[in-house]
C-alpha cells in the first residue's frame, strides 16, 4: 500500500492472506482491507468522521475499531466485507461533567479465543480503566478501578493474564492482572514504561 495520505495501523488476519489498515486516501481516516499478495484495497467503513485502530479477530470474522462517529471515541465491530457495523457494547461508561469529562474508549485487543475484547476506557470519575466485553452477549465487565489510569492492555497467549500500563505507582509502570483479579507489578523503573507485549514461548 502506497498512499500519499498515509496507510497505517495494519492488523493481519489469522490466515495471513489479508490485513486491515487505516488510510486517509479518501479524505478522513477510514478502515480498509487488502490482500497480502498486493490485491486491490476494499473500503470497509464509510463515515465522515475518523475510524481508526482496526484489530482483526482470531477467527478472522470481525474487525474491532475505534470511531468518533457518535461524538466521542467508542469501539465498534465490522465484518471483513464491510457489513454488520455495530457498537461493541451498549453501555455508557462515562458522561459529561462540570469538569468536561467525556466518554472515550481505546486500545482494543482480542482474547486469544476470540470470544472477548479487552480495552481501556475513561470511566465514571474521569480515570481510565480496563474493561472486557463478551462478544456473544455484549456484556461489559470492569477489570480495574481506582483513582489512577490503567491503559494499553495486552492479553497473554494463554488468555489468563493481562499486562497493562498504570499510573497507580506514580509514574507509568507495567502491571499484570491475574485470573483471580489480583495485580502484580512488573517494572520498577524511575522512568515511564509503556506498551507491554507478550512473546510466544
N, C-alpha and C. Protein backbone atom coordinates (compact mmCIF):
# COMPACT_ATOMS: atom_id res chain seq x y z
N UNK A 1 0.85 -1.18 0.00
CA UNK A 1 0.00 0.00 0.00
C UNK A 1 0.89 1.24 0.00
N UNK A 2 0.69 2.11 -0.96
CA UNK A 2 1.49 3.32 -1.07
C UNK A 2 0.56 4.51 -1.25
N UNK A 3 0.11 5.07 -0.13
CA UNK A 3 -0.81 6.20 -0.16
C UNK A 3 -0.09 7.48 0.21
N UNK A 4 -0.28 8.51 -0.58
CA UNK A 4 0.30 9.80 -0.22
C UNK A 4 -0.30 10.31 1.09
N UNK A 5 -1.57 9.96 1.32
CA UNK A 5 -2.23 10.38 2.56
C UNK A 5 -1.82 9.52 3.75
N UNK A 6 -1.10 8.42 3.50
CA UNK A 6 -0.65 7.56 4.58
C UNK A 6 -1.50 6.31 4.72
N UNK A 7 -0.87 5.20 5.04
CA UNK A 7 -1.54 3.93 5.35
C UNK A 7 -0.87 3.40 6.60
N UNK A 8 -1.65 3.13 7.66
CA UNK A 8 -1.03 2.81 8.93
C UNK A 8 -1.93 1.89 9.76
N UNK A 9 -1.44 1.48 10.93
CA UNK A 9 -2.12 0.59 11.88
C UNK A 9 -2.57 -0.72 11.24
N UNK A 10 -1.67 -1.46 10.59
CA UNK A 10 -2.07 -2.74 9.98
C UNK A 10 -2.37 -3.80 11.02
N UNK A 11 -3.33 -4.66 10.72
CA UNK A 11 -3.66 -5.81 11.56
C UNK A 11 -3.88 -7.00 10.63
N UNK A 12 -3.02 -8.01 10.74
CA UNK A 12 -3.03 -9.14 9.81
C UNK A 12 -4.05 -10.19 10.25
N UNK A 13 -4.82 -10.68 9.29
CA UNK A 13 -5.80 -11.74 9.56
C UNK A 13 -5.08 -13.03 9.94
N UNK A 14 -5.74 -13.90 10.71
CA UNK A 14 -5.08 -15.11 11.19
C UNK A 14 -4.64 -16.06 10.09
N UNK A 15 -5.30 -16.05 8.93
CA UNK A 15 -4.87 -16.92 7.85
C UNK A 15 -3.71 -16.34 7.04
N UNK A 16 -3.31 -15.11 7.38
CA UNK A 16 -2.17 -14.49 6.72
C UNK A 16 -2.42 -14.04 5.29
N UNK A 17 -3.67 -14.06 4.84
CA UNK A 17 -3.97 -13.74 3.45
C UNK A 17 -4.38 -12.28 3.23
N UNK A 18 -4.81 -11.60 4.28
CA UNK A 18 -5.23 -10.21 4.14
C UNK A 18 -4.97 -9.46 5.44
N UNK A 19 -5.09 -8.16 5.38
CA UNK A 19 -4.90 -7.34 6.57
C UNK A 19 -5.82 -6.14 6.51
N UNK A 20 -6.18 -5.65 7.70
CA UNK A 20 -6.96 -4.42 7.82
C UNK A 20 -6.00 -3.28 8.14
N UNK A 21 -6.34 -2.07 7.72
CA UNK A 21 -5.48 -0.93 7.98
C UNK A 21 -6.28 0.36 7.88
N UNK A 22 -5.65 1.47 8.25
CA UNK A 22 -6.27 2.79 8.19
C UNK A 22 -5.63 3.60 7.08
N UNK A 23 -6.44 4.32 6.34
CA UNK A 23 -5.93 5.23 5.32
C UNK A 23 -6.83 6.45 5.23
N UNK A 24 -6.24 7.58 4.87
CA UNK A 24 -6.99 8.81 4.64
C UNK A 24 -7.04 9.15 3.15
N UNK A 25 -6.86 8.14 2.32
CA UNK A 25 -6.80 8.37 0.88
C UNK A 25 -8.09 8.98 0.34
N UNK A 26 -9.22 8.72 0.99
CA UNK A 26 -10.50 9.25 0.53
C UNK A 26 -10.96 10.45 1.36
N UNK A 27 -10.06 11.03 2.13
CA UNK A 27 -10.42 12.20 2.95
C UNK A 27 -10.11 11.95 4.41
N UNK A 28 -11.13 11.60 5.19
CA UNK A 28 -10.91 11.31 6.61
C UNK A 28 -10.40 9.88 6.77
N UNK A 29 -9.96 9.54 7.97
CA UNK A 29 -9.43 8.20 8.24
C UNK A 29 -10.53 7.15 8.19
N UNK A 30 -10.33 6.12 7.39
CA UNK A 30 -11.29 5.03 7.25
C UNK A 30 -10.55 3.69 7.35
N UNK A 31 -11.33 2.61 7.58
CA UNK A 31 -10.78 1.27 7.67
C UNK A 31 -10.88 0.60 6.30
N UNK A 32 -9.79 -0.03 5.88
CA UNK A 32 -9.73 -0.76 4.62
C UNK A 32 -9.19 -2.16 4.88
N UNK A 33 -9.31 -3.01 3.89
CA UNK A 33 -8.64 -4.30 3.90
C UNK A 33 -7.96 -4.49 2.55
N UNK A 34 -6.91 -5.29 2.55
CA UNK A 34 -6.20 -5.57 1.31
C UNK A 34 -5.57 -6.95 1.42
N UNK A 35 -5.41 -7.61 0.29
CA UNK A 35 -4.77 -8.92 0.26
C UNK A 35 -3.27 -8.77 0.45
N UNK A 36 -2.65 -9.75 1.08
CA UNK A 36 -1.22 -9.71 1.32
C UNK A 36 -0.43 -9.82 0.01
N UNK A 37 -1.05 -10.35 -1.04
CA UNK A 37 -0.35 -10.51 -2.31
C UNK A 37 -0.42 -9.26 -3.18
N UNK A 38 -0.95 -8.16 -2.61
CA UNK A 38 -0.97 -6.90 -3.34
C UNK A 38 -2.24 -6.65 -4.11
N UNK A 39 -3.32 -7.35 -3.78
CA UNK A 39 -4.59 -7.13 -4.47
C UNK A 39 -5.19 -5.78 -4.14
N UNK A 40 -6.28 -5.45 -4.83
CA UNK A 40 -6.93 -4.15 -4.66
C UNK A 40 -7.47 -4.00 -3.23
N UNK A 41 -7.44 -2.78 -2.74
CA UNK A 41 -7.98 -2.50 -1.42
C UNK A 41 -9.51 -2.53 -1.46
N UNK A 42 -10.11 -2.81 -0.29
CA UNK A 42 -11.56 -2.78 -0.13
C UNK A 42 -11.86 -1.86 1.05
N UNK A 43 -12.68 -0.85 0.82
CA UNK A 43 -13.03 0.07 1.89
C UNK A 43 -14.12 -0.56 2.75
N UNK A 44 -13.90 -0.62 4.07
CA UNK A 44 -14.87 -1.24 4.98
C UNK A 44 -15.79 -0.23 5.63
N UNK A 45 -15.26 0.92 6.05
CA UNK A 45 -16.09 1.92 6.70
C UNK A 45 -16.29 3.12 5.79
N UNK A 46 -17.39 3.81 5.97
CA UNK A 46 -17.69 4.99 5.17
C UNK A 46 -18.48 5.97 6.04
N UNK A 47 -17.75 6.80 6.75
CA UNK A 47 -18.38 7.78 7.62
C UNK A 47 -17.54 9.05 7.56
N UNK A 48 -18.16 10.20 7.80
CA UNK A 48 -17.45 11.47 7.62
C UNK A 48 -16.54 11.83 8.79
N UNK A 49 -16.49 10.98 9.83
CA UNK A 49 -15.56 11.17 10.93
C UNK A 49 -14.55 10.03 10.95
N UNK A 50 -13.58 10.08 11.85
CA UNK A 50 -12.45 9.16 11.78
C UNK A 50 -12.75 7.77 12.34
N UNK A 51 -12.32 6.75 11.61
CA UNK A 51 -12.34 5.36 12.05
C UNK A 51 -10.90 4.86 12.06
N UNK A 52 -10.42 4.39 13.22
CA UNK A 52 -9.01 4.04 13.36
C UNK A 52 -8.85 2.78 14.22
N UNK A 53 -7.61 2.34 14.35
CA UNK A 53 -7.26 1.26 15.28
C UNK A 53 -7.87 -0.09 14.99
N UNK A 54 -7.90 -0.59 13.75
CA UNK A 54 -8.52 -1.90 13.48
C UNK A 54 -7.72 -3.04 14.09
N UNK A 55 -8.43 -4.04 14.61
CA UNK A 55 -7.81 -5.26 15.11
C UNK A 55 -8.66 -6.44 14.64
N UNK A 56 -8.08 -7.31 13.84
CA UNK A 56 -8.80 -8.46 13.30
C UNK A 56 -8.94 -9.54 14.37
N UNK A 57 -10.12 -10.14 14.47
CA UNK A 57 -10.36 -11.18 15.47
C UNK A 57 -9.56 -12.45 15.15
N UNK A 58 -9.29 -13.29 16.14
CA UNK A 58 -8.51 -14.52 15.92
C UNK A 58 -9.13 -15.48 14.91
N UNK A 59 -10.45 -15.42 14.71
CA UNK A 59 -11.08 -16.27 13.70
C UNK A 59 -11.27 -15.55 12.37
N UNK A 60 -10.88 -14.29 12.30
CA UNK A 60 -10.96 -13.54 11.06
C UNK A 60 -12.35 -13.08 10.68
N UNK A 61 -13.33 -13.23 11.59
CA UNK A 61 -14.71 -12.91 11.25
C UNK A 61 -15.10 -11.47 11.58
N UNK A 62 -14.31 -10.81 12.41
CA UNK A 62 -14.66 -9.44 12.81
C UNK A 62 -13.42 -8.56 12.86
N UNK A 63 -13.66 -7.27 12.73
CA UNK A 63 -12.64 -6.26 12.96
C UNK A 63 -13.21 -5.28 13.98
N UNK A 64 -12.50 -5.11 15.09
CA UNK A 64 -12.91 -4.10 16.07
C UNK A 64 -12.12 -2.84 15.77
N UNK A 65 -12.76 -1.68 15.90
CA UNK A 65 -12.07 -0.43 15.61
C UNK A 65 -12.65 0.70 16.46
N UNK A 66 -11.93 1.81 16.50
CA UNK A 66 -12.36 2.98 17.26
C UNK A 66 -12.90 4.04 16.31
N UNK A 67 -14.03 4.65 16.68
CA UNK A 67 -14.62 5.69 15.85
C UNK A 67 -15.20 6.79 16.72
N UNK A 68 -15.14 8.03 16.23
CA UNK A 68 -15.78 9.14 16.93
C UNK A 68 -17.08 9.54 16.25
N UNK A 69 -17.69 8.59 15.55
CA UNK A 69 -18.91 8.87 14.80
C UNK A 69 -20.10 9.23 15.68
N UNK A 70 -20.02 8.94 16.99
CA UNK A 70 -21.09 9.31 17.90
C UNK A 70 -20.69 10.50 18.79
N UNK A 71 -19.63 11.19 18.39
CA UNK A 71 -19.21 12.38 19.13
C UNK A 71 -18.03 12.15 20.06
N UNK A 72 -17.85 10.92 20.52
CA UNK A 72 -16.72 10.55 21.37
C UNK A 72 -16.14 9.24 20.86
N UNK A 73 -14.89 8.95 21.19
CA UNK A 73 -14.27 7.71 20.73
C UNK A 73 -14.93 6.51 21.39
N UNK A 74 -15.48 5.63 20.56
CA UNK A 74 -16.11 4.40 21.03
C UNK A 74 -15.68 3.25 20.13
N UNK A 75 -15.85 2.02 20.64
CA UNK A 75 -15.45 0.84 19.89
C UNK A 75 -16.62 0.25 19.11
N UNK A 76 -16.31 -0.17 17.89
CA UNK A 76 -17.31 -0.76 17.00
C UNK A 76 -16.77 -2.05 16.41
N UNK A 77 -17.69 -2.88 15.92
CA UNK A 77 -17.35 -4.10 15.19
C UNK A 77 -17.84 -3.99 13.76
N UNK A 78 -17.07 -4.58 12.85
CA UNK A 78 -17.49 -4.65 11.45
C UNK A 78 -16.97 -5.96 10.87
N UNK A 79 -17.73 -6.56 9.96
CA UNK A 79 -17.28 -7.78 9.29
C UNK A 79 -16.25 -7.42 8.22
N UNK A 80 -15.40 -8.36 7.82
CA UNK A 80 -14.38 -8.07 6.81
C UNK A 80 -14.93 -7.69 5.44
N UNK A 81 -16.22 -7.91 5.21
CA UNK A 81 -16.81 -7.48 3.94
C UNK A 81 -17.47 -6.11 4.06
N UNK A 82 -17.35 -5.47 5.23
CA UNK A 82 -17.91 -4.14 5.43
C UNK A 82 -19.33 -4.13 5.94
N UNK A 83 -19.88 -5.29 6.26
CA UNK A 83 -21.26 -5.36 6.73
C UNK A 83 -21.33 -5.48 8.25
N UNK A 84 -22.52 -5.23 8.78
CA UNK A 84 -22.82 -5.52 10.18
C UNK A 84 -22.17 -4.60 11.19
N UNK A 85 -21.90 -3.35 10.84
CA UNK A 85 -21.29 -2.43 11.80
C UNK A 85 -22.19 -2.23 13.01
N UNK A 86 -21.61 -2.38 14.21
CA UNK A 86 -22.38 -2.18 15.43
C UNK A 86 -21.45 -1.82 16.58
N UNK A 87 -22.03 -1.22 17.61
CA UNK A 87 -21.27 -0.91 18.81
C UNK A 87 -20.81 -2.21 19.46
N UNK A 88 -19.61 -2.17 20.03
CA UNK A 88 -19.09 -3.34 20.73
C UNK A 88 -19.95 -3.69 21.93
N UNK A 89 -20.45 -2.68 22.62
CA UNK A 89 -21.32 -2.88 23.78
C UNK A 89 -22.24 -1.67 23.88
N UNK A 90 -23.36 -1.79 24.59
CA UNK A 90 -24.33 -0.69 24.65
C UNK A 90 -24.15 0.26 25.82
N UNK A 91 -23.22 -0.02 26.71
CA UNK A 91 -23.12 0.77 27.94
C UNK A 91 -22.52 2.16 27.70
N UNK A 92 -22.89 3.11 28.58
CA UNK A 92 -22.29 4.43 28.60
C UNK A 92 -21.31 4.48 29.78
N UNK A 93 -20.04 4.42 29.48
CA UNK A 93 -19.05 4.29 30.54
C UNK A 93 -18.75 5.59 31.26
N UNK A 94 -18.94 6.70 30.60
CA UNK A 94 -18.67 7.99 31.23
C UNK A 94 -19.61 9.03 30.65
N UNK A 95 -19.88 10.04 31.42
CA UNK A 95 -20.78 11.10 30.98
C UNK A 95 -20.11 12.45 31.15
N UNK A 96 -20.65 13.45 30.46
CA UNK A 96 -20.15 14.81 30.61
C UNK A 96 -20.35 15.27 32.05
N UNK A 97 -19.36 15.95 32.60
CA UNK A 97 -19.44 16.51 33.94
C UNK A 97 -19.05 17.98 33.88
N UNK A 98 -19.12 18.65 35.03
CA UNK A 98 -18.72 20.05 35.07
C UNK A 98 -17.24 20.21 34.71
N UNK A 99 -16.47 19.15 34.93
CA UNK A 99 -15.05 19.20 34.60
C UNK A 99 -14.75 18.87 33.16
N UNK A 100 -15.80 18.54 32.39
CA UNK A 100 -15.60 18.29 30.97
C UNK A 100 -15.22 16.87 30.62
N UNK A 101 -15.40 15.91 31.53
CA UNK A 101 -15.07 14.52 31.24
C UNK A 101 -16.05 13.97 30.21
N UNK A 102 -15.54 13.29 29.20
CA UNK A 102 -16.42 12.71 28.20
C UNK A 102 -16.05 11.24 27.98
N UNK A 103 -16.95 10.52 27.34
CA UNK A 103 -16.72 9.11 27.08
C UNK A 103 -15.54 8.93 26.14
N UNK A 104 -14.77 7.89 26.35
CA UNK A 104 -13.66 7.58 25.45
C UNK A 104 -13.28 6.12 25.64
N UNK A 105 -13.09 5.41 24.53
CA UNK A 105 -12.69 4.01 24.55
C UNK A 105 -11.52 3.84 23.58
N UNK A 106 -10.56 2.98 23.94
CA UNK A 106 -9.36 2.83 23.12
C UNK A 106 -8.69 1.50 23.42
N UNK A 107 -7.59 1.24 22.70
CA UNK A 107 -6.65 0.14 23.00
C UNK A 107 -7.30 -1.24 22.93
N UNK A 108 -8.21 -1.47 22.01
CA UNK A 108 -8.90 -2.76 21.93
C UNK A 108 -7.96 -3.89 21.53
N UNK A 109 -8.03 -5.00 22.26
CA UNK A 109 -7.29 -6.23 21.92
C UNK A 109 -8.21 -7.42 22.11
N UNK A 110 -8.05 -8.42 21.26
CA UNK A 110 -8.85 -9.64 21.35
C UNK A 110 -8.22 -10.62 22.33
N UNK A 111 -9.04 -11.38 23.04
CA UNK A 111 -8.53 -12.53 23.76
C UNK A 111 -8.18 -13.61 22.74
N UNK A 112 -7.24 -14.49 23.05
CA UNK A 112 -6.80 -15.48 22.05
C UNK A 112 -7.91 -16.39 21.52
N UNK A 113 -8.96 -16.63 22.32
CA UNK A 113 -10.05 -17.48 21.85
C UNK A 113 -11.06 -16.71 20.99
N UNK A 114 -10.88 -15.41 20.87
CA UNK A 114 -11.77 -14.60 20.04
C UNK A 114 -13.14 -14.36 20.63
N UNK A 115 -13.34 -14.74 21.89
CA UNK A 115 -14.66 -14.60 22.50
C UNK A 115 -14.87 -13.27 23.20
N UNK A 116 -13.79 -12.53 23.45
CA UNK A 116 -13.90 -11.28 24.19
C UNK A 116 -12.94 -10.24 23.63
N UNK A 117 -13.24 -8.99 23.95
CA UNK A 117 -12.35 -7.87 23.64
C UNK A 117 -12.03 -7.16 24.94
N UNK A 118 -10.76 -6.91 25.17
CA UNK A 118 -10.30 -6.15 26.33
C UNK A 118 -9.90 -4.77 25.83
N UNK A 119 -10.23 -3.73 26.58
CA UNK A 119 -9.92 -2.38 26.14
C UNK A 119 -9.83 -1.45 27.35
N UNK A 120 -9.37 -0.23 27.10
CA UNK A 120 -9.35 0.78 28.15
C UNK A 120 -10.40 1.83 27.85
N UNK A 121 -10.95 2.42 28.89
CA UNK A 121 -11.99 3.44 28.73
C UNK A 121 -11.93 4.42 29.88
N UNK A 122 -12.32 5.65 29.59
CA UNK A 122 -12.43 6.65 30.65
C UNK A 122 -13.75 6.39 31.38
N UNK A 123 -13.65 5.90 32.60
CA UNK A 123 -14.83 5.51 33.36
C UNK A 123 -15.39 6.69 34.13
N UNK A 124 -16.48 6.45 34.85
CA UNK A 124 -17.07 7.49 35.69
C UNK A 124 -16.02 7.99 36.68
N UNK A 125 -15.88 9.28 36.79
CA UNK A 125 -14.85 9.87 37.63
C UNK A 125 -13.67 10.40 36.83
N UNK A 126 -13.58 9.97 35.55
CA UNK A 126 -12.56 10.54 34.68
C UNK A 126 -11.30 9.73 34.50
N UNK A 127 -11.08 8.68 35.30
CA UNK A 127 -9.88 7.86 35.15
C UNK A 127 -10.08 6.75 34.12
N UNK A 128 -8.99 6.36 33.50
CA UNK A 128 -9.01 5.26 32.53
C UNK A 128 -8.86 3.92 33.25
N UNK A 129 -9.68 2.95 32.87
CA UNK A 129 -9.59 1.62 33.46
C UNK A 129 -9.81 0.55 32.39
N UNK A 130 -9.55 -0.68 32.75
CA UNK A 130 -9.66 -1.80 31.82
C UNK A 130 -11.03 -2.44 31.91
N UNK A 131 -11.55 -2.84 30.75
CA UNK A 131 -12.85 -3.49 30.65
C UNK A 131 -12.74 -4.68 29.70
N UNK A 132 -13.68 -5.60 29.85
CA UNK A 132 -13.76 -6.75 28.95
C UNK A 132 -15.22 -6.91 28.51
N UNK A 133 -15.40 -7.19 27.22
CA UNK A 133 -16.74 -7.40 26.67
C UNK A 133 -16.81 -8.79 26.05
N UNK A 134 -17.83 -9.56 26.40
CA UNK A 134 -18.07 -10.85 25.77
C UNK A 134 -18.73 -10.61 24.42
N UNK A 135 -18.14 -11.13 23.36
CA UNK A 135 -18.64 -10.84 22.02
C UNK A 135 -20.05 -11.37 21.80
N UNK A 136 -20.37 -12.52 22.36
CA UNK A 136 -21.67 -13.15 22.10
C UNK A 136 -22.83 -12.41 22.76
N UNK A 137 -22.57 -11.75 23.88
CA UNK A 137 -23.65 -11.13 24.64
C UNK A 137 -23.53 -9.60 24.72
N UNK A 138 -22.34 -9.06 24.50
CA UNK A 138 -22.13 -7.63 24.70
C UNK A 138 -22.03 -7.25 26.16
N UNK A 139 -21.97 -8.25 27.05
CA UNK A 139 -21.90 -7.97 28.48
C UNK A 139 -20.56 -7.35 28.83
N UNK A 140 -20.60 -6.26 29.60
CA UNK A 140 -19.41 -5.49 29.96
C UNK A 140 -18.97 -5.83 31.37
N UNK A 141 -17.66 -6.02 31.55
CA UNK A 141 -17.08 -6.31 32.86
C UNK A 141 -15.93 -5.34 33.11
N UNK A 142 -15.99 -4.60 34.22
CA UNK A 142 -14.88 -3.72 34.57
C UNK A 142 -13.82 -4.51 35.31
N UNK A 143 -12.57 -4.41 34.85
CA UNK A 143 -11.48 -5.22 35.40
C UNK A 143 -10.63 -4.49 36.42
N UNK A 144 -10.49 -3.16 36.30
CA UNK A 144 -9.70 -2.39 37.25
C UNK A 144 -10.48 -1.15 37.68
N UNK A 145 -10.08 -0.56 38.79
CA UNK A 145 -10.74 0.63 39.30
C UNK A 145 -9.76 1.39 40.19
N UNK A 146 -10.14 2.59 40.59
CA UNK A 146 -9.30 3.39 41.48
C UNK A 146 -9.01 4.76 40.90
N UNK A 147 -8.34 5.60 41.70
CA UNK A 147 -8.03 6.98 41.31
C UNK A 147 -6.69 7.04 40.57
N UNK A 148 -6.59 6.29 39.50
CA UNK A 148 -5.39 6.26 38.68
C UNK A 148 -5.81 5.79 37.28
N UNK A 149 -4.88 5.79 36.34
CA UNK A 149 -5.19 5.39 34.97
C UNK A 149 -4.57 4.04 34.64
N UNK A 150 -5.37 3.15 34.04
CA UNK A 150 -4.92 1.85 33.55
C UNK A 150 -5.22 1.80 32.06
N UNK A 151 -4.20 1.55 31.23
CA UNK A 151 -4.37 1.60 29.79
C UNK A 151 -3.49 0.57 29.08
N UNK A 152 -3.61 0.50 27.76
CA UNK A 152 -2.78 -0.32 26.88
C UNK A 152 -2.72 -1.79 27.31
N UNK A 153 -3.87 -2.48 27.40
CA UNK A 153 -3.85 -3.88 27.79
C UNK A 153 -3.22 -4.77 26.72
N UNK A 154 -2.61 -5.87 27.17
CA UNK A 154 -2.06 -6.89 26.29
C UNK A 154 -2.36 -8.25 26.91
N UNK A 155 -3.12 -9.08 26.23
CA UNK A 155 -3.55 -10.38 26.77
C UNK A 155 -2.50 -11.44 26.48
N UNK A 156 -2.17 -12.25 27.47
CA UNK A 156 -1.17 -13.30 27.31
C UNK A 156 -1.65 -14.36 26.32
N UNK A 157 -0.73 -15.10 25.69
CA UNK A 157 -1.11 -16.11 24.69
C UNK A 157 -2.08 -17.17 25.19
N UNK A 158 -2.04 -17.46 26.50
CA UNK A 158 -2.99 -18.44 27.05
C UNK A 158 -4.28 -17.79 27.52
N UNK A 159 -4.38 -16.46 27.41
CA UNK A 159 -5.60 -15.75 27.76
C UNK A 159 -5.82 -15.56 29.25
N UNK A 160 -4.85 -15.92 30.07
CA UNK A 160 -5.06 -15.88 31.52
C UNK A 160 -4.62 -14.58 32.17
N UNK A 161 -3.66 -13.90 31.59
CA UNK A 161 -3.12 -12.70 32.19
C UNK A 161 -3.30 -11.51 31.26
N UNK A 162 -3.40 -10.32 31.85
CA UNK A 162 -3.48 -9.09 31.06
C UNK A 162 -2.42 -8.13 31.58
N UNK A 163 -1.42 -7.86 30.76
CA UNK A 163 -0.43 -6.85 31.10
C UNK A 163 -0.99 -5.49 30.71
N UNK A 164 -0.62 -4.45 31.44
CA UNK A 164 -1.15 -3.12 31.14
C UNK A 164 -0.25 -2.05 31.75
N UNK A 165 -0.46 -0.83 31.33
CA UNK A 165 0.26 0.33 31.85
C UNK A 165 -0.62 1.01 32.89
N UNK A 166 -0.04 1.36 34.03
CA UNK A 166 -0.82 2.01 35.09
C UNK A 166 -0.02 3.13 35.73
N UNK A 167 -0.75 4.15 36.18
CA UNK A 167 -0.14 5.26 36.92
C UNK A 167 -0.29 5.08 38.42
N UNK A 168 -0.74 3.91 38.86
CA UNK A 168 -1.01 3.68 40.28
C UNK A 168 0.24 3.78 41.15
N UNK A 169 1.43 3.64 40.55
CA UNK A 169 2.67 3.73 41.32
C UNK A 169 3.29 5.12 41.23
N UNK A 170 2.58 6.05 40.61
CA UNK A 170 3.10 7.40 40.43
C UNK A 170 3.36 7.67 38.96
N UNK A 171 4.49 7.21 38.44
CA UNK A 171 4.74 7.30 37.01
C UNK A 171 4.19 6.05 36.31
N UNK A 172 4.23 6.03 35.01
CA UNK A 172 3.68 4.90 34.25
C UNK A 172 4.56 3.67 34.40
N UNK A 173 4.00 2.59 34.91
CA UNK A 173 4.71 1.32 35.07
C UNK A 173 3.85 0.18 34.52
N UNK A 174 4.49 -0.96 34.30
CA UNK A 174 3.77 -2.13 33.79
C UNK A 174 3.31 -3.01 34.95
N UNK A 175 2.05 -3.45 34.84
CA UNK A 175 1.45 -4.37 35.80
C UNK A 175 0.82 -5.52 35.03
N UNK A 176 0.49 -6.59 35.75
CA UNK A 176 -0.21 -7.72 35.15
C UNK A 176 -1.41 -8.06 36.01
N UNK A 177 -2.55 -8.25 35.35
CA UNK A 177 -3.78 -8.64 36.03
C UNK A 177 -3.92 -10.15 35.96
N UNK A 178 -3.99 -10.80 37.12
CA UNK A 178 -4.06 -12.26 37.21
C UNK A 178 -5.49 -12.75 37.01
N UNK A 179 -5.66 -14.04 36.74
CA UNK A 179 -7.02 -14.60 36.57
C UNK A 179 -7.93 -14.38 37.77
N UNK A 180 -7.32 -14.30 38.98
CA UNK A 180 -8.14 -14.10 40.19
C UNK A 180 -8.42 -12.63 40.46
N UNK A 181 -7.98 -11.73 39.58
CA UNK A 181 -8.23 -10.32 39.76
C UNK A 181 -7.12 -9.57 40.47
N UNK A 182 -6.14 -10.28 41.01
CA UNK A 182 -5.02 -9.63 41.67
C UNK A 182 -4.06 -9.01 40.65
N UNK A 183 -3.28 -8.04 41.10
CA UNK A 183 -2.33 -7.38 40.20
C UNK A 183 -0.90 -7.58 40.68
N UNK A 184 0.01 -7.72 39.73
CA UNK A 184 1.43 -7.87 40.00
C UNK A 184 2.19 -6.77 39.28
N UNK A 185 3.05 -6.07 39.99
CA UNK A 185 3.85 -5.04 39.36
C UNK A 185 5.02 -5.68 38.62
N UNK A 186 5.22 -5.29 37.37
CA UNK A 186 6.26 -5.90 36.54
C UNK A 186 7.52 -5.05 36.50
N UNK A 187 7.37 -3.73 36.34
CA UNK A 187 8.53 -2.86 36.24
C UNK A 187 8.60 -1.89 37.42
N UNK A 188 9.83 -1.49 37.74
CA UNK A 188 10.05 -0.55 38.85
C UNK A 188 11.03 0.53 38.45
N UNK A 189 10.97 0.95 37.21
CA UNK A 189 11.90 1.95 36.71
C UNK A 189 11.50 3.35 37.19
N UNK A 190 12.49 4.24 37.44
CA UNK A 190 12.15 5.63 37.79
C UNK A 190 11.58 6.40 36.60
N UNK A 191 11.74 5.84 35.41
CA UNK A 191 11.19 6.43 34.20
C UNK A 191 9.92 5.68 33.80
N UNK A 192 9.15 6.25 32.90
CA UNK A 192 7.89 5.64 32.48
C UNK A 192 8.13 4.43 31.57
N UNK A 193 7.31 3.41 31.72
CA UNK A 193 7.35 2.20 30.89
C UNK A 193 6.01 2.05 30.18
N UNK A 194 6.04 1.64 28.88
CA UNK A 194 4.85 1.64 28.06
C UNK A 194 4.77 0.39 27.18
N UNK A 195 3.61 0.22 26.62
CA UNK A 195 3.34 -0.73 25.53
C UNK A 195 3.80 -2.16 25.83
N UNK A 196 3.17 -2.83 26.78
CA UNK A 196 3.53 -4.23 27.05
C UNK A 196 3.19 -5.12 25.87
N UNK A 197 3.99 -6.16 25.68
CA UNK A 197 3.77 -7.10 24.58
C UNK A 197 4.20 -8.48 25.04
N UNK A 198 3.31 -9.45 24.89
CA UNK A 198 3.64 -10.84 25.25
C UNK A 198 4.34 -11.51 24.08
N UNK A 199 5.37 -12.29 24.36
CA UNK A 199 6.05 -13.05 23.34
C UNK A 199 5.68 -14.51 23.46
N UNK A 200 5.46 -15.21 22.33
CA UNK A 200 5.12 -16.64 22.39
C UNK A 200 6.29 -17.44 22.94
N UNK A 201 5.97 -18.46 23.71
CA UNK A 201 7.02 -19.28 24.35
C UNK A 201 7.38 -20.46 23.45
